[in-house]
Amino acid sequence: MLLRLCWRLLALAFVGLGLIGAVLPGMPTTVFMLLAVWAAGKGWPPLAEWLLNHPRFGPPLRQWQSERAIPRRAKWLAGVSMFISMPLICLSAPTPWVQWLVPSSMCLVLLWLCSRPEPRYPQL
């Protein structure tokens, strides 16, 4: 019972972060929704099904689950939001190591994103 509650709270936290990421540049959406589906699958299967069948979030989640693929549009949006948010983060970073670490991390994530295949069946 307590473990199921923990999975549900974790799933809700990831959904919340994903929704924030949908409107805030530099914050990912799909990653948090993937984590939400994973956590919900452990303790709240109806939420996992709802996310997988959601008109906006469902297709990329299903494509990742079936093919480990990321749509080209998602790659472009991620790259553009990183490009926009990188100078803002660097200018507001409190220490020089953060100014170096954040862009480096973003570049590594972008390289990883670009290395993922695109879906064979875009409308999954």
Protein backbone atom coordinates (compact mmCIF):
# COMPACT_ATOMS: atom_id res chain seq x y z
CA MET A 1 0.00 0.00 0.00
CA LEU A 2 2.73 2.47 0.99
CA LEU A 3 4.88 1.45 -1.98
CA ARG A 4 1.98 2.03 -4.38
CA LEU A 5 1.45 5.48 -2.86
CA CYS A 6 5.13 6.29 -3.39
CA TRP A 7 4.92 5.24 -7.07
CA ARG A 8 1.80 7.36 -7.52
CA LEU A 9 3.39 10.42 -5.92
CA LEU A 10 6.49 9.95 -8.06
CA ALA A 11 4.34 9.64 -11.20
CA LEU A 12 2.43 12.81 -10.30
CA ALA A 13 5.68 14.67 -9.64
CA PHE A 14 7.00 13.65 -13.06
CA VAL A 15 3.74 14.65 -14.75
CA GLY A 16 3.95 18.02 -13.00
CA LEU A 17 7.54 18.54 -14.14
CA GLY A 18 6.56 17.50 -17.65
CA LEU A 19 3.72 20.01 -17.73
CA ILE A 20 6.09 22.74 -16.55
CA GLY A 21 8.49 21.67 -19.28
CA ALA A 22 5.74 22.05 -21.86
CA VAL A 23 5.67 25.81 -21.26
CA LEU A 24 9.16 26.60 -19.95
CA PRO A 25 12.06 26.73 -22.44
CA GLY A 26 15.06 24.70 -21.39
CA MET A 27 13.01 22.25 -19.36
CA PRO A 28 12.25 18.92 -21.02
CA THR A 29 8.74 17.52 -21.32
CA THR A 30 9.01 14.10 -22.90
CA VAL A 31 11.70 12.86 -20.52
CA PHE A 32 9.51 13.60 -17.52
CA MET A 33 6.47 12.07 -19.20
CA LEU A 34 8.49 8.92 -19.94
CA LEU A 35 9.46 8.77 -16.28
CA ALA A 36 5.83 9.35 -15.33
CA VAL A 37 4.69 6.42 -17.51
CA TRP A 38 7.37 4.24 -15.94
CA ALA A 39 6.42 5.19 -12.36
CA ALA A 40 2.69 5.00 -13.08
CA GLY A 41 3.17 1.55 -14.58
CA LYS A 42 4.48 0.42 -11.19
CA GLY A 43 1.73 1.88 -9.04
CA TRP A 44 -0.99 3.51 -11.10
CA PRO A 45 -1.64 1.66 -14.41
CA PRO A 46 -4.68 3.79 -15.38
CA LEU A 47 -2.49 6.92 -15.33
CA ALA A 48 0.12 5.17 -17.49
CA GLU A 49 -2.59 4.20 -19.99
CA TRP A 50 -4.01 7.72 -19.96
CA LEU A 51 -0.58 9.20 -20.72
CA LEU A 52 0.09 6.67 -23.49
CA ASN A 53 -3.29 7.47 -25.08
CA HIS A 54 -3.09 11.24 -24.57
CA PRO A 55 -3.42 13.08 -27.91
CA ARG A 56 -0.36 15.30 -27.31
CA PHE A 57 1.96 13.25 -25.11
CA GLY A 58 0.96 9.75 -26.20
CA PRO A 59 2.55 9.43 -29.66
CA PRO A 60 6.15 10.23 -28.61
CA LEU A 61 5.78 8.04 -25.52
CA ARG A 62 4.55 5.10 -27.60
CA GLN A 63 7.28 5.65 -30.19
CA TRP A 64 9.92 5.56 -27.48
CA GLN A 65 8.43 2.42 -25.93
CA SER A 66 8.16 0.53 -29.21
CA GLU A 67 11.20 1.72 -31.18
CA ARG A 68 13.37 3.75 -28.81
CA ALA A 69 12.89 6.51 -31.39
CA ILE A 70 12.53 10.28 -31.07
CA PRO A 71 10.59 12.30 -33.67
CA ARG A 72 12.55 14.87 -35.67
CA ARG A 73 10.27 17.67 -34.46
CA ALA A 74 11.06 16.80 -30.83
CA LYS A 75 14.78 16.86 -31.59
CA TRP A 76 14.48 20.28 -33.20
CA LEU A 77 12.37 21.69 -30.38
CA ALA A 78 14.84 20.39 -27.81
CA GLY A 79 17.77 21.89 -29.69
CA VAL A 80 16.10 25.27 -30.14
CA SER A 81 15.01 25.49 -26.50
CA MET A 82 18.54 24.58 -25.38
CA PHE A 83 19.99 27.20 -27.74
CA ILE A 84 17.64 29.85 -26.32
CA SER A 85 18.06 28.94 -22.67
CA MET A 86 21.84 28.37 -22.70
CA PRO A 87 22.86 32.06 -22.72
CA LEU A 88 20.20 32.89 -20.13
CA ILE A 89 21.48 30.18 -17.81
CA CYS A 90 25.11 31.17 -18.38
CA LEU A 91 24.43 34.84 -17.68
CA SER A 92 22.55 34.07 -14.49
CA ALA A 93 24.88 31.32 -13.23
CA PRO A 94 26.36 32.14 -9.82
CA THR A 95 29.75 30.48 -10.40
CA PRO A 96 32.04 29.87 -13.39
CA TRP A 97 31.86 26.08 -13.07
CA VAL A 98 28.08 26.25 -13.55
CA GLN A 99 28.63 28.41 -16.63
CA TRP A 100 30.77 25.59 -18.02
CA LEU A 101 28.80 22.59 -16.75
CA VAL A 102 25.34 23.57 -18.01
CA PRO A 103 26.29 24.19 -21.67
CA SER A 104 28.46 21.07 -21.68
CA SER A 105 25.58 18.99 -20.34
CA MET A 106 23.19 20.48 -22.87
CA CYS A 107 25.58 19.69 -25.72
CA LEU A 108 25.95 16.09 -24.55
CA VAL A 109 22.18 15.70 -24.30
CA LEU A 110 21.74 17.19 -27.77
CA LEU A 111 24.34 14.81 -29.21
CA TRP A 112 22.55 11.89 -27.58
CA LEU A 113 19.18 13.09 -28.93
CA CYS A 114 20.56 13.39 -32.45
CA SER A 115 21.99 9.88 -32.23
CA ARG A 116 18.54 8.36 -31.55
CA PRO A 117 16.67 7.06 -34.59
CA GLU A 118 13.53 8.67 -35.90
CA PRO A 119 10.30 6.64 -35.74
CA ARG A 120 9.59 4.31 -38.64
CA TYR A 121 5.87 4.68 -38.00
CA PRO A 122 5.31 8.36 -37.12
CA GLN A 123 1.63 8.01 -36.17
CA LEU A 124 1.99 5.15 -33.69
